[in-house]
Amino acid sequence: MKHLATGLVTLSCFCSSLLYAAGKESIVRVDPPIPAPDWTLPAIQNADGNLSMSDFRGKITYIDFWASWCGPCRLSLPALNSLNDEFADDPVQFLAISIDVVEEDAWDFLKRYSVDYPVVIDTEGDIARMFAVDGMPSGYLLDTEGRVREIHIGFKRGDEQKLAESIKKMLSEMDAS
């Protein structure tokens, strides 16, 4: 696990450097893909009990780290709702991980910006550190084996189309195998 965390931290630093150098590009493809850290967090919306990384194996999963104080999250979470609807019949799962320290802040945000897919909370920031989250929002597109294939840092209008294209490509890879 320590090597995995070190790998993600290194990858995140590398991604930040690339994004800074590239200017506006917000997607970094991870090739070869690396395993996502294992985690368990309490659900606060659209699920009961605890959710774990292992609950999503077998599905293409987009994990979106967000916070109530994040301006772009006001755009990204509703945009992900649209993608959740678009891929409802496919083996695709969206998951939001709040990194708010105070759970009530996350609840207040969710009252104003509805989310239709599971939301969990990481009040200690442990999972965000394991993923080496380096900006808000930060999304991790995982393949069906739980490996990080893309990292999406930040969000602007139109980013959801890029994510949809990546998901469609991964779905076609599944169909081909």
Protein backbone atom coordinates (compact mmCIF):
# COMPACT_ATOMS: atom_id res chain seq x y z
CA MET A 1 0.00 0.00 0.00
CA LYS A 2 2.88 2.37 0.79
CA HIS A 3 4.30 1.92 -2.74
CA LEU A 4 0.87 2.59 -4.23
CA ALA A 5 0.46 5.80 -2.23
CA THR A 6 3.98 6.90 -3.19
CA GLY A 7 3.17 6.17 -6.82
CA LEU A 8 0.00 8.23 -6.73
CA VAL A 9 1.75 11.15 -5.00
CA THR A 10 4.49 11.07 -7.63
CA LEU A 11 1.88 10.83 -10.37
CA SER A 12 -0.09 13.72 -8.90
CA CYS A 13 3.00 15.95 -8.72
CA PHE A 14 3.83 14.99 -12.29
CA CYS A 15 0.24 15.74 -13.36
CA SER A 16 0.30 19.12 -11.65
CA SER A 17 3.52 19.99 -13.49
CA LEU A 18 2.05 18.85 -16.79
CA LEU A 19 -1.15 20.79 -16.26
CA TYR A 20 0.76 23.91 -15.31
CA ALA A 21 2.95 23.58 -18.38
CA ALA A 22 0.02 22.74 -20.66
CA GLY A 23 -2.05 25.69 -19.53
CA LYS A 24 -5.70 24.71 -19.82
CA GLU A 25 -5.67 20.93 -20.36
CA SER A 26 -7.23 19.23 -17.36
CA ILE A 27 -6.93 15.52 -18.21
CA VAL A 28 -3.90 13.35 -17.71
CA ARG A 29 -3.96 9.83 -19.12
CA VAL A 30 -2.26 7.25 -16.92
CA ASP A 31 -0.41 4.73 -19.06
CA PRO A 32 0.19 2.16 -17.86
CA PRO A 33 -2.81 2.34 -15.51
CA ILE A 34 -2.09 2.07 -11.78
CA PRO A 35 -4.28 0.41 -9.13
CA ALA A 36 -6.47 2.81 -7.16
CA PRO A 37 -6.03 2.72 -3.39
CA ASP A 38 -8.50 0.66 -1.42
CA TRP A 39 -10.78 2.66 0.87
CA THR A 40 -13.99 2.52 2.89
CA LEU A 41 -16.08 5.60 3.68
CA PRO A 42 -19.54 6.34 5.11
CA ALA A 43 -22.28 7.15 2.61
CA ILE A 44 -24.15 10.42 3.17
CA GLN A 45 -26.46 10.36 0.14
CA ASN A 46 -27.92 7.84 -2.35
CA ALA A 47 -26.45 4.83 -0.52
CA ASP A 48 -26.56 3.27 2.93
CA GLY A 49 -23.79 2.29 5.31
CA ASN A 50 -20.20 2.26 4.14
CA LEU A 51 -18.98 2.02 0.57
CA SER A 52 -15.60 0.60 -0.43
CA MET A 53 -13.47 0.61 -3.54
CA SER A 54 -14.20 -3.10 -3.92
CA ASP A 55 -17.94 -2.32 -4.30
CA PHE A 56 -17.19 -0.85 -7.73
CA ARG A 57 -15.00 -3.58 -9.24
CA GLY A 58 -16.38 -4.78 -12.55
CA LYS A 59 -17.64 -1.30 -13.45
CA ILE A 60 -16.00 1.69 -15.05
CA THR A 61 -15.97 4.11 -12.13
CA TYR A 62 -15.52 7.85 -11.96
CA ILE A 63 -14.54 9.02 -8.48
CA ASP A 64 -15.02 12.76 -8.05
CA PHE A 65 -13.43 14.49 -5.06
CA TRP A 66 -15.25 17.72 -4.20
CA ALA A 67 -15.81 20.20 -1.37
CA SER A 68 -18.55 22.64 -0.43
CA TRP A 69 -16.14 25.59 -0.80
CA CYS A 70 -15.18 24.58 -4.36
CA GLY A 71 -16.62 26.92 -7.00
CA PRO A 72 -16.13 24.59 -10.01
CA CYS A 73 -17.84 21.78 -8.05
CA ARG A 74 -21.09 23.71 -8.49
CA LEU A 75 -20.74 22.95 -12.20
CA SER A 76 -19.15 19.50 -12.07
CA LEU A 77 -21.60 17.69 -9.81
CA PRO A 78 -24.70 18.57 -11.90
CA ALA A 79 -22.77 17.77 -15.10
CA LEU A 80 -21.91 14.36 -13.67
CA ASN A 81 -25.63 13.85 -12.98
CA SER A 82 -26.20 14.14 -16.73
CA LEU A 83 -23.46 11.58 -17.43
CA ASN A 84 -24.90 9.30 -14.76
CA ASP A 85 -28.21 9.39 -16.67
CA GLU A 86 -26.49 8.93 -20.05
CA PHE A 87 -24.67 5.79 -18.89
CA ALA A 88 -27.45 4.41 -16.67
CA ASP A 89 -27.76 1.23 -18.79
CA ASP A 90 -24.02 0.60 -18.90
CA PRO A 91 -21.58 -0.84 -16.32
CA VAL A 92 -20.56 2.68 -15.29
CA GLN A 93 -20.66 4.10 -11.77
CA PHE A 94 -20.21 7.67 -10.60
CA LEU A 95 -19.20 8.38 -7.02
CA ALA A 96 -18.71 11.69 -5.22
CA ILE A 97 -16.30 11.93 -2.28
CA SER A 98 -16.70 15.06 -0.17
CA ILE A 99 -13.54 16.20 1.58
CA ASP A 100 -15.41 18.62 3.81
CA VAL A 101 -14.15 18.50 7.39
CA VAL A 102 -17.62 19.37 8.70
CA GLU A 103 -20.31 17.00 7.41
CA GLU A 104 -23.00 19.70 7.69
CA ASP A 105 -21.13 21.78 5.08
CA ALA A 106 -21.43 18.88 2.63
CA TRP A 107 -25.13 18.46 3.47
CA ASP A 108 -25.79 22.18 2.86
CA PHE A 109 -24.04 21.99 -0.51
CA LEU A 110 -26.02 18.88 -1.50
CA LYS A 111 -29.30 20.66 -0.67
CA ARG A 112 -28.42 23.36 -3.22
CA TYR A 113 -26.76 21.15 -5.86
CA SER A 114 -28.44 17.78 -6.12
CA VAL A 115 -26.44 14.65 -6.82
CA ASP A 116 -28.17 11.52 -8.11
CA TYR A 117 -25.33 9.02 -7.53
CA PRO A 118 -23.70 7.84 -4.29
CA VAL A 119 -21.93 10.40 -2.12
CA VAL A 120 -19.49 9.48 0.65
CA ILE A 121 -17.50 11.73 2.96
CA ASP A 122 -13.81 11.81 3.88
CA THR A 123 -13.76 14.25 6.83
CA GLU A 124 -10.19 13.28 7.79
CA GLY A 125 -8.86 13.66 4.23
CA ASP A 126 -7.17 10.26 4.39
CA ILE A 127 -8.57 8.98 1.10
CA ALA A 128 -7.86 12.26 -0.66
CA ARG A 129 -4.23 11.95 0.49
CA MET A 130 -4.08 8.34 -0.72
CA PHE A 131 -5.22 9.53 -4.16
CA ALA A 132 -2.88 12.53 -3.93
CA VAL A 133 -5.72 14.94 -4.73
CA ASP A 134 -4.13 18.18 -5.90
CA GLY A 135 -7.01 20.40 -6.97
CA MET A 136 -10.75 20.76 -6.69
CA PRO A 137 -12.57 19.02 -8.07
CA SER A 138 -10.34 16.07 -8.91
CA GLY A 139 -11.73 13.04 -10.71
CA TYR A 140 -10.25 9.61 -11.24
CA LEU A 141 -11.53 7.44 -14.08
CA LEU A 142 -11.02 3.78 -13.21
CA ASP A 143 -11.35 0.74 -15.41
CA THR A 144 -13.30 -2.36 -14.40
CA GLU A 145 -10.24 -3.72 -12.59
CA GLY A 146 -10.01 -0.64 -10.34
CA ARG A 147 -7.00 0.89 -12.11
CA VAL A 148 -6.66 4.65 -12.61
CA ARG A 149 -6.75 5.38 -16.35
CA GLU A 150 -7.27 9.16 -16.26
CA ILE A 151 -7.01 11.99 -13.76
CA HIS A 152 -9.23 15.03 -14.27
CA ILE A 153 -8.14 18.13 -12.34
CA GLY A 154 -10.49 21.09 -12.12
CA PHE A 155 -13.68 21.49 -14.13
CA LYS A 156 -15.00 23.84 -16.79
CA ARG A 157 -18.01 23.60 -19.08
CA GLY A 158 -17.39 21.00 -21.75
CA ASP A 159 -15.17 18.77 -19.60
CA GLU A 160 -18.12 16.39 -19.22
CA GLN A 161 -18.03 15.71 -22.99
CA LYS A 162 -14.35 14.73 -22.74
CA LEU A 163 -15.17 12.42 -19.85
CA ALA A 164 -18.07 10.90 -21.83
CA GLU A 165 -15.72 10.21 -24.74
CA SER A 166 -13.25 8.46 -22.43
CA ILE A 167 -16.02 6.35 -20.90
CA LYS A 168 -17.35 5.38 -24.35
CA LYS A 169 -13.85 4.35 -25.41
CA MET A 170 -13.49 2.18 -22.31
CA LEU A 171 -16.92 0.63 -22.93
CA SER A 172 -15.92 -0.22 -26.51
CA GLU A 173 -12.73 -1.85 -25.16
CA MET A 174 -14.92 -3.97 -22.88
CA ASP A 175 -17.12 -4.99 -25.81
CA ALA A 176 -14.05 -5.92 -27.89
CA SER A 177 -12.69 -8.29 -25.23
